[in-house]
């Protein structure tokens, strides 16, 4: 079994290595394009606009290109928290938001007076996508994301519309920690556009596909209600500016 190092320094070196590999395989073009759009003053998601031209993302999708700052204006509750998901971490990125809501309820604060933001960034981005993309692009292997049921690299998004008894916690029994179930409780999910740009280009190169077409397909395959952000670190910062306490979720 692969040993995973949880030290922050190792994570940073791993990410820098992936960026270097991505830059080499893409001839830097794929990485520079979104940065050049920013420097030209075209807005944080300008490159995203061109990518989404002609793409139907389906009803209810969160892939809207409205000003991302507007999304955070939904945060109005008394108790606010942001979970920073940088990699798969078993059930924890989804169990902790539910625990936050349940324990607030147990101490007298209802869900409508709580705000939970979940930022999917870096290696945590696959949870923003439909299961079809997991199977096609082998997300379980790429992102080291195991299926909780099989304990093997997942070929589906196990946290989207799970079965009633898919997740059980000792002492609590079955818990509703599916993304759709958390959204029904008011939890807000967003995903890092910068990570999507890098990973889609690297995977496209490996599969000998066009990087722009792969990213376009990923955007079309976002789960309903997932909001695209210029970057995950941008979103983590904005959430804290709107009063959310920071919590590292893996």
C-alpha atoms as a PDB file:
ATOM      1  CA  UNK A   1       0.000   0.000   0.000  1.00  0.00           C
ATOM      2  CA  UNK A   2       1.235   3.467  -0.830  1.00  0.00           C
ATOM      3  CA  UNK A   3       2.312   5.486   2.182  1.00  0.00           C
ATOM      4  CA  UNK A   4       0.851   8.982   2.188  1.00  0.00           C
ATOM      5  CA  UNK A   5       2.769  11.764   3.856  1.00  0.00           C
ATOM      6  CA  UNK A   6       0.484  14.237   5.568  1.00  0.00           C
ATOM      7  CA  UNK A   7       3.135  16.869   6.213  1.00  0.00           C
ATOM      8  CA  UNK A   8       2.354  20.233   4.626  1.00  0.00           C
ATOM      9  CA  UNK A   9       5.855  20.514   3.180  1.00  0.00           C
ATOM     10  CA  UNK A  10       5.487  17.203   1.349  1.00  0.00           C
ATOM     11  CA  UNK A  11       2.099  18.247  -0.005  1.00  0.00           C
ATOM     12  CA  UNK A  12       3.551  21.496  -1.327  1.00  0.00           C
ATOM     13  CA  UNK A  13       6.479  19.686  -2.984  1.00  0.00           C
ATOM     14  CA  UNK A  14       4.102  17.179  -4.551  1.00  0.00           C
ATOM     15  CA  UNK A  15       1.919  19.952  -5.955  1.00  0.00           C
ATOM     16  CA  UNK A  16       4.909  21.870  -7.313  1.00  0.00           C
ATOM     17  CA  UNK A  17       6.121  18.670  -8.946  1.00  0.00           C
ATOM     18  CA  UNK A  18       2.744  18.180 -10.588  1.00  0.00           C
ATOM     19  CA  UNK A  19       2.754  21.769 -11.802  1.00  0.00           C
ATOM     20  CA  UNK A  20       6.240  21.290 -13.261  1.00  0.00           C
ATOM     21  CA  UNK A  21       5.169  18.112 -15.013  1.00  0.00           C
ATOM     22  CA  UNK A  22       2.030  19.804 -16.317  1.00  0.00           C
ATOM     23  CA  UNK A  23       4.010  22.756 -17.603  1.00  0.00           C
ATOM     24  CA  UNK A  24       6.447  20.498 -19.422  1.00  0.00           C
ATOM     25  CA  UNK A  25       3.779  18.411 -21.106  1.00  0.00           C
ATOM     26  CA  UNK A  26       1.761  21.456 -22.117  1.00  0.00           C
ATOM     27  CA  UNK A  27       4.673  23.561 -23.296  1.00  0.00           C
ATOM     28  CA  UNK A  28       3.540  26.107 -20.663  1.00  0.00           C
ATOM     29  CA  UNK A  29       0.722  27.292 -22.943  1.00  0.00           C
ATOM     30  CA  UNK A  30      -2.093  25.760 -20.926  1.00  0.00           C
ATOM     31  CA  UNK A  31      -0.848  27.284 -17.681  1.00  0.00           C
ATOM     32  CA  UNK A  32      -0.058  30.722 -19.052  1.00  0.00           C
ATOM     33  CA  UNK A  33      -3.349  31.354 -20.829  1.00  0.00           C
ATOM     34  CA  UNK A  34      -5.507  31.896 -17.697  1.00  0.00           C
ATOM     35  CA  UNK A  35      -2.748  33.929 -16.065  1.00  0.00           C
ATOM     36  CA  UNK A  36      -2.399  36.115 -19.147  1.00  0.00           C
ATOM     37  CA  UNK A  37      -6.157  36.716 -19.084  1.00  0.00           C
ATOM     38  CA  UNK A  38      -5.861  37.971 -15.513  1.00  0.00           C
ATOM     39  CA  UNK A  39      -2.918  40.239 -16.329  1.00  0.00           C
ATOM     40  CA  UNK A  40      -4.836  41.691 -19.255  1.00  0.00           C
ATOM     41  CA  UNK A  41      -7.555  42.778 -16.833  1.00  0.00           C
ATOM     42  CA  UNK A  42     -10.151  40.569 -18.476  1.00  0.00           C
ATOM     43  CA  UNK A  43     -11.588  39.378 -15.177  1.00  0.00           C
ATOM     44  CA  UNK A  44     -10.913  36.294 -13.044  1.00  0.00           C
ATOM     45  CA  UNK A  45     -12.855  33.853 -15.211  1.00  0.00           C
ATOM     46  CA  UNK A  46     -12.265  35.369 -18.638  1.00  0.00           C
ATOM     47  CA  UNK A  47     -10.570  32.269 -20.023  1.00  0.00           C
ATOM     48  CA  UNK A  48     -13.448  30.274 -18.572  1.00  0.00           C
ATOM     49  CA  UNK A  49     -15.979  32.255 -20.643  1.00  0.00           C
ATOM     50  CA  UNK A  50     -14.360  31.217 -23.893  1.00  0.00           C
ATOM     51  CA  UNK A  51     -14.182  27.596 -22.750  1.00  0.00           C
ATOM     52  CA  UNK A  52     -17.869  27.505 -21.888  1.00  0.00           C
ATOM     53  CA  UNK A  53     -19.024  28.996 -25.187  1.00  0.00           C
ATOM     54  CA  UNK A  54     -21.594  26.641 -26.613  1.00  0.00           C
ATOM     55  CA  UNK A  55     -21.422  24.264 -23.636  1.00  0.00           C
ATOM     56  CA  UNK A  56     -24.683  23.232 -22.044  1.00  0.00           C
ATOM     57  CA  UNK A  57     -24.124  22.478 -18.380  1.00  0.00           C
ATOM     58  CA  UNK A  58     -27.668  21.382 -17.680  1.00  0.00           C
ATOM     59  CA  UNK A  59     -30.326  22.666 -15.284  1.00  0.00           C
ATOM     60  CA  UNK A  60     -29.302  23.523 -11.767  1.00  0.00           C
ATOM     61  CA  UNK A  61     -25.569  23.463 -12.438  1.00  0.00           C
ATOM     62  CA  UNK A  62     -23.340  25.719 -10.363  1.00  0.00           C
ATOM     63  CA  UNK A  63     -20.999  26.480 -13.266  1.00  0.00           C
ATOM     64  CA  UNK A  64     -22.383  29.991 -13.595  1.00  0.00           C
ATOM     65  CA  UNK A  65     -19.859  32.642 -14.535  1.00  0.00           C
ATOM     66  CA  UNK A  66     -21.518  35.352 -12.460  1.00  0.00           C
ATOM     67  CA  UNK A  67     -19.184  37.416 -10.303  1.00  0.00           C
ATOM     68  CA  UNK A  68     -17.858  34.853  -7.802  1.00  0.00           C
ATOM     69  CA  UNK A  69     -17.908  37.419  -4.990  1.00  0.00           C
ATOM     70  CA  UNK A  70     -21.717  37.480  -5.258  1.00  0.00           C
ATOM     71  CA  UNK A  71     -21.868  33.810  -4.258  1.00  0.00           C
ATOM     72  CA  UNK A  72     -20.409  34.592  -0.845  1.00  0.00           C
ATOM     73  CA  UNK A  73     -23.154  37.114  -0.109  1.00  0.00           C
ATOM     74  CA  UNK A  74     -25.387  34.125   0.684  1.00  0.00           C
ATOM     75  CA  UNK A  75     -23.429  33.763   3.919  1.00  0.00           C
ATOM     76  CA  UNK A  76     -25.620  35.435   6.544  1.00  0.00           C
ATOM     77  CA  UNK A  77     -25.868  32.994   9.457  1.00  0.00           C
ATOM     78  CA  UNK A  78     -24.505  33.520  12.948  1.00  0.00           C
ATOM     79  CA  UNK A  79     -22.114  30.548  12.892  1.00  0.00           C
ATOM     80  CA  UNK A  80     -19.890  30.227   9.810  1.00  0.00           C
ATOM     81  CA  UNK A  81     -17.170  27.767   8.801  1.00  0.00           C
ATOM     82  CA  UNK A  82     -15.177  26.884   5.672  1.00  0.00           C
ATOM     83  CA  UNK A  83     -13.798  23.376   5.120  1.00  0.00           C
ATOM     84  CA  UNK A  84     -10.660  23.338   2.985  1.00  0.00           C
ATOM     85  CA  UNK A  85     -10.559  20.071   0.969  1.00  0.00           C
ATOM     86  CA  UNK A  86      -7.183  19.687  -0.764  1.00  0.00           C
ATOM     87  CA  UNK A  87      -7.238  15.911  -1.221  1.00  0.00           C
ATOM     88  CA  UNK A  88      -9.412  12.838  -0.671  1.00  0.00           C
ATOM     89  CA  UNK A  89      -9.541  12.016   3.046  1.00  0.00           C
ATOM     90  CA  UNK A  90     -11.953   9.088   3.291  1.00  0.00           C
ATOM     91  CA  UNK A  91     -15.366  10.379   4.467  1.00  0.00           C
ATOM     92  CA  UNK A  92     -14.057  13.307   6.494  1.00  0.00           C
ATOM     93  CA  UNK A  93     -14.539  16.227   4.022  1.00  0.00           C
ATOM     94  CA  UNK A  94     -18.260  15.379   4.054  1.00  0.00           C
ATOM     95  CA  UNK A  95     -18.723  14.030   7.568  1.00  0.00           C
ATOM     96  CA  UNK A  96     -17.352  17.161   9.234  1.00  0.00           C
ATOM     97  CA  UNK A  97     -19.880  19.561   7.637  1.00  0.00           C
ATOM     98  CA  UNK A  98     -22.678  17.292   8.892  1.00  0.00           C
ATOM     99  CA  UNK A  99     -21.105  17.108  12.366  1.00  0.00           C
ATOM    100  CA  UNK A 100     -20.910  20.909  12.440  1.00  0.00           C
ATOM    101  CA  UNK A 101     -24.621  21.191  11.652  1.00  0.00           C
ATOM    102  CA  UNK A 102     -25.710  18.414  14.033  1.00  0.00           C
ATOM    103  CA  UNK A 103     -23.738  19.698  17.002  1.00  0.00           C
ATOM    104  CA  UNK A 104     -24.938  23.240  16.430  1.00  0.00           C
ATOM    105  CA  UNK A 105     -28.487  21.900  16.407  1.00  0.00           C
ATOM    106  CA  UNK A 106     -27.788  19.980  19.613  1.00  0.00           C
ATOM    107  CA  UNK A 107     -26.592  23.189  21.271  1.00  0.00           C
ATOM    108  CA  UNK A 108     -29.582  25.247  20.176  1.00  0.00           C
ATOM    109  CA  UNK A 109     -28.656  26.644  16.749  1.00  0.00           C
ATOM    110  CA  UNK A 110     -30.730  25.529  13.772  1.00  0.00           C
ATOM    111  CA  UNK A 111     -29.222  24.867  10.336  1.00  0.00           C
ATOM    112  CA  UNK A 112     -30.683  28.056   8.871  1.00  0.00           C
ATOM    113  CA  UNK A 113     -28.529  30.081  11.263  1.00  0.00           C
ATOM    114  CA  UNK A 114     -25.353  28.249  10.231  1.00  0.00           C
ATOM    115  CA  UNK A 115     -23.269  28.629   7.083  1.00  0.00           C
ATOM    116  CA  UNK A 116     -20.952  25.914   5.812  1.00  0.00           C
ATOM    117  CA  UNK A 117     -18.702  26.406   2.789  1.00  0.00           C
ATOM    118  CA  UNK A 118     -16.751  23.475   1.314  1.00  0.00           C
ATOM    119  CA  UNK A 119     -13.879  24.391  -1.021  1.00  0.00           C
ATOM    120  CA  UNK A 120     -12.787  21.561  -3.332  1.00  0.00           C
ATOM    121  CA  UNK A 121      -9.289  22.359  -4.552  1.00  0.00           C
ATOM    122  CA  UNK A 122      -5.986  20.728  -5.547  1.00  0.00           C
ATOM    123  CA  UNK A 123      -6.460  16.927  -5.325  1.00  0.00           C
ATOM    124  CA  UNK A 124      -9.956  17.406  -3.878  1.00  0.00           C
ATOM    125  CA  UNK A 125     -11.544  18.550  -7.148  1.00  0.00           C
ATOM    126  CA  UNK A 126     -12.855  15.176  -8.426  1.00  0.00           C
ATOM    127  CA  UNK A 127     -15.719  15.294  -5.916  1.00  0.00           C
ATOM    128  CA  UNK A 128     -17.153  18.180  -7.929  1.00  0.00           C
ATOM    129  CA  UNK A 129     -17.848  15.914 -10.924  1.00  0.00           C
ATOM    130  CA  UNK A 130     -20.442  13.427 -12.117  1.00  0.00           C
ATOM    131  CA  UNK A 131     -19.598   9.718 -11.908  1.00  0.00           C
ATOM    132  CA  UNK A 132     -19.313   9.440 -15.693  1.00  0.00           C
ATOM    133  CA  UNK A 133     -16.147  11.543 -15.578  1.00  0.00           C
ATOM    134  CA  UNK A 134     -14.714   9.428 -12.760  1.00  0.00           C
ATOM    135  CA  UNK A 135     -15.017   6.357 -14.948  1.00  0.00           C
ATOM    136  CA  UNK A 136     -13.794   7.965 -18.167  1.00  0.00           C
ATOM    137  CA  UNK A 137     -10.795   9.801 -16.706  1.00  0.00           C
ATOM    138  CA  UNK A 138      -9.890   7.297 -13.993  1.00  0.00           C
ATOM    139  CA  UNK A 139     -10.169   9.882 -11.211  1.00  0.00           C
ATOM    140  CA  UNK A 140      -9.834   7.241  -8.502  1.00  0.00           C
ATOM    141  CA  UNK A 141      -6.315   6.392  -9.671  1.00  0.00           C
ATOM    142  CA  UNK A 142      -5.299   9.923 -10.615  1.00  0.00           C
ATOM    143  CA  UNK A 143      -6.372  11.531  -7.339  1.00  0.00           C
ATOM    144  CA  UNK A 144      -5.827   8.543  -5.028  1.00  0.00           C
ATOM    145  CA  UNK A 145      -9.529   8.506  -4.171  1.00  0.00           C
ATOM    146  CA  UNK A 146     -10.778   5.134  -2.925  1.00  0.00           C
ATOM    147  CA  UNK A 147     -14.371   3.974  -2.992  1.00  0.00           C
ATOM    148  CA  UNK A 148     -15.573   3.669   0.639  1.00  0.00           C
ATOM    149  CA  UNK A 149     -17.438   0.480  -0.313  1.00  0.00           C
ATOM    150  CA  UNK A 150     -14.666  -1.399  -2.158  1.00  0.00           C
ATOM    151  CA  UNK A 151     -11.553   0.280  -0.657  1.00  0.00           C
ATOM    152  CA  UNK A 152     -10.180   0.382  -4.207  1.00  0.00           C
ATOM    153  CA  UNK A 153      -9.674   3.382  -6.550  1.00  0.00           C
ATOM    154  CA  UNK A 154     -13.177   4.658  -7.185  1.00  0.00           C
ATOM    155  CA  UNK A 155     -14.805   4.600 -10.609  1.00  0.00           C
ATOM    156  CA  UNK A 156     -17.698   6.761  -9.373  1.00  0.00           C
ATOM    157  CA  UNK A 157     -18.333   9.778  -7.182  1.00  0.00           C
ATOM    158  CA  UNK A 158     -19.311   7.949  -3.985  1.00  0.00           C
ATOM    159  CA  UNK A 159     -20.578  11.115  -2.306  1.00  0.00           C
ATOM    160  CA  UNK A 160     -23.140  12.063  -4.938  1.00  0.00           C
ATOM    161  CA  UNK A 161     -26.625  10.696  -4.288  1.00  0.00           C
ATOM    162  CA  UNK A 162     -25.442   7.823  -2.063  1.00  0.00           C
ATOM    163  CA  UNK A 163     -27.747   5.086  -0.816  1.00  0.00           C
ATOM    164  CA  UNK A 164     -29.584   5.508   2.484  1.00  0.00           C
ATOM    165  CA  UNK A 165     -27.190   3.229   4.387  1.00  0.00           C
ATOM    166  CA  UNK A 166     -23.983   3.843   2.437  1.00  0.00           C
ATOM    167  CA  UNK A 167     -22.325   5.726   5.285  1.00  0.00           C
ATOM    168  CA  UNK A 168     -22.502   4.617   8.904  1.00  0.00           C
ATOM    169  CA  UNK A 169     -20.534   6.016  11.826  1.00  0.00           C
ATOM    170  CA  UNK A 170     -20.160   4.041  15.064  1.00  0.00           C
ATOM    171  CA  UNK A 171     -22.388   5.504  17.728  1.00  0.00           C
ATOM    172  CA  UNK A 172     -24.383   7.521  15.160  1.00  0.00           C
ATOM    173  CA  UNK A 173     -25.543   4.901  12.673  1.00  0.00           C
ATOM    174  CA  UNK A 174     -26.420   5.955   9.115  1.00  0.00           C
ATOM    175  CA  UNK A 175     -25.497   9.559   8.361  1.00  0.00           C
ATOM    176  CA  UNK A 176     -26.505  11.831   5.505  1.00  0.00           C
ATOM    177  CA  UNK A 177     -23.153  13.008   4.154  1.00  0.00           C
ATOM    178  CA  UNK A 178     -23.812  12.886   0.417  1.00  0.00           C
ATOM    179  CA  UNK A 179     -23.047  16.146  -1.369  1.00  0.00           C
ATOM    180  CA  UNK A 180     -26.693  16.418  -2.446  1.00  0.00           C
ATOM    181  CA  UNK A 181     -27.840  15.768   1.138  1.00  0.00           C
ATOM    182  CA  UNK A 182     -25.488  18.411   2.506  1.00  0.00           C
ATOM    183  CA  UNK A 183     -26.667  20.870  -0.156  1.00  0.00           C
ATOM    184  CA  UNK A 184     -30.236  20.218   0.970  1.00  0.00           C
ATOM    185  CA  UNK A 185     -29.075  21.339   4.446  1.00  0.00           C
ATOM    186  CA  UNK A 186     -27.670  24.571   3.040  1.00  0.00           C
ATOM    187  CA  UNK A 187     -24.007  23.563   2.674  1.00  0.00           C
ATOM    188  CA  UNK A 188     -22.312  25.498  -0.155  1.00  0.00           C
ATOM    189  CA  UNK A 189     -19.786  23.745  -2.421  1.00  0.00           C
ATOM    190  CA  UNK A 190     -17.287  25.340  -4.790  1.00  0.00           C
ATOM    191  CA  UNK A 191     -14.398  24.096  -6.925  1.00  0.00           C
ATOM    192  CA  UNK A 192     -11.035  25.520  -8.001  1.00  0.00           C
ATOM    193  CA  UNK A 193     -10.864  26.585 -11.646  1.00  0.00           C
ATOM    194  CA  UNK A 194      -7.054  26.791 -11.555  1.00  0.00           C
ATOM    195  CA  UNK A 195      -6.785  23.136 -10.486  1.00  0.00           C
ATOM    196  CA  UNK A 196      -9.288  22.096 -13.158  1.00  0.00           C
ATOM    197  CA  UNK A 197      -7.185  23.902 -15.763  1.00  0.00           C
ATOM    198  CA  UNK A 198      -3.939  22.200 -14.702  1.00  0.00           C
ATOM    199  CA  UNK A 199      -5.262  18.694 -14.183  1.00  0.00           C
ATOM    200  CA  UNK A 200      -7.453  18.602 -17.289  1.00  0.00           C
ATOM    201  CA  UNK A 201      -4.475  19.684 -19.412  1.00  0.00           C
ATOM    202  CA  UNK A 202      -2.111  17.124 -17.861  1.00  0.00           C
ATOM    203  CA  UNK A 203      -4.635  14.308 -18.247  1.00  0.00           C
ATOM    204  CA  UNK A 204      -5.434  15.423 -21.796  1.00  0.00           C
ATOM    205  CA  UNK A 205      -1.755  15.191 -22.673  1.00  0.00           C
ATOM    206  CA  UNK A 206      -1.501  11.691 -21.240  1.00  0.00           C
ATOM    207  CA  UNK A 207      -4.602  10.577 -23.159  1.00  0.00           C
ATOM    208  CA  UNK A 208      -3.546  12.433 -26.329  1.00  0.00           C
ATOM    209  CA  UNK A 209      -6.640  14.605 -26.249  1.00  0.00           C
ATOM    210  CA  UNK A 210      -7.188  18.327 -26.760  1.00  0.00           C
ATOM    211  CA  UNK A 211      -6.808  20.109 -23.409  1.00  0.00           C
ATOM    212  CA  UNK A 212      -9.531  22.676 -24.116  1.00  0.00           C
ATOM    213  CA  UNK A 213     -12.007  19.957 -25.060  1.00  0.00           C
ATOM    214  CA  UNK A 214     -11.248  17.935 -21.944  1.00  0.00           C
ATOM    215  CA  UNK A 215     -11.759  20.922 -19.675  1.00  0.00           C
ATOM    216  CA  UNK A 216     -14.946  21.802 -21.516  1.00  0.00           C
ATOM    217  CA  UNK A 217     -16.213  18.292 -20.791  1.00  0.00           C
ATOM    218  CA  UNK A 218     -15.249  18.618 -17.120  1.00  0.00           C
ATOM    219  CA  UNK A 219     -17.157  21.890 -16.836  1.00  0.00           C
ATOM    220  CA  UNK A 220     -20.191  20.267 -18.445  1.00  0.00           C
ATOM    221  CA  UNK A 221     -19.874  17.383 -15.969  1.00  0.00           C
ATOM    222  CA  UNK A 222     -19.940  19.463 -12.787  1.00  0.00           C
ATOM    223  CA  UNK A 223     -22.512  18.435 -10.216  1.00  0.00           C
ATOM    224  CA  UNK A 224     -25.562  20.668  -9.779  1.00  0.00           C
ATOM    225  CA  UNK A 225     -24.940  23.486  -7.344  1.00  0.00           C
ATOM    226  CA  UNK A 226     -21.133  23.397  -7.524  1.00  0.00           C
ATOM    227  CA  UNK A 227     -19.847  26.953  -7.982  1.00  0.00           C
ATOM    228  CA  UNK A 228     -16.665  27.522  -9.966  1.00  0.00           C
ATOM    229  CA  UNK A 229     -14.121  29.816  -8.292  1.00  0.00           C
ATOM    230  CA  UNK A 230     -11.030  31.438  -9.875  1.00  0.00           C
ATOM    231  CA  UNK A 231      -8.921  29.363  -7.474  1.00  0.00           C
ATOM    232  CA  UNK A 232      -9.454  27.399  -4.312  1.00  0.00           C
ATOM    233  CA  UNK A 233      -7.142  29.590  -2.265  1.00  0.00           C
ATOM    234  CA  UNK A 234      -9.077  32.625  -3.516  1.00  0.00           C
ATOM    235  CA  UNK A 235     -12.298  31.006  -2.302  1.00  0.00           C
ATOM    236  CA  UNK A 236     -10.816  30.067   1.087  1.00  0.00           C
ATOM    237  CA  UNK A 237      -9.718  33.672   1.535  1.00  0.00           C
ATOM    238  CA  UNK A 238     -13.095  35.100   0.524  1.00  0.00           C
ATOM    239  CA  UNK A 239     -14.937  32.739   2.854  1.00  0.00           C
ATOM    240  CA  UNK A 240     -12.840  33.947   5.780  1.00  0.00           C
ATOM    241  CA  UNK A 241     -13.422  37.563   4.769  1.00  0.00           C
ATOM    242  CA  UNK A 242     -17.132  36.749   5.109  1.00  0.00           C
ATOM    243  CA  UNK A 243     -16.672  35.547   8.663  1.00  0.00           C
ATOM    244  CA  UNK A 244     -16.071  31.817   8.148  1.00  0.00           C
ATOM    245  CA  UNK A 245     -13.747  30.053  10.578  1.00  0.00           C
ATOM    246  CA  UNK A 246     -11.135  27.975   8.744  1.00  0.00           C
ATOM    247  CA  UNK A 247     -11.028  24.174   9.090  1.00  0.00           C
ATOM    248  CA  UNK A 248      -8.599  21.923   7.212  1.00  0.00           C
ATOM    249  CA  UNK A 249     -10.520  18.907   5.915  1.00  0.00           C
ATOM    250  CA  UNK A 250      -7.811  16.858   4.200  1.00  0.00           C
END
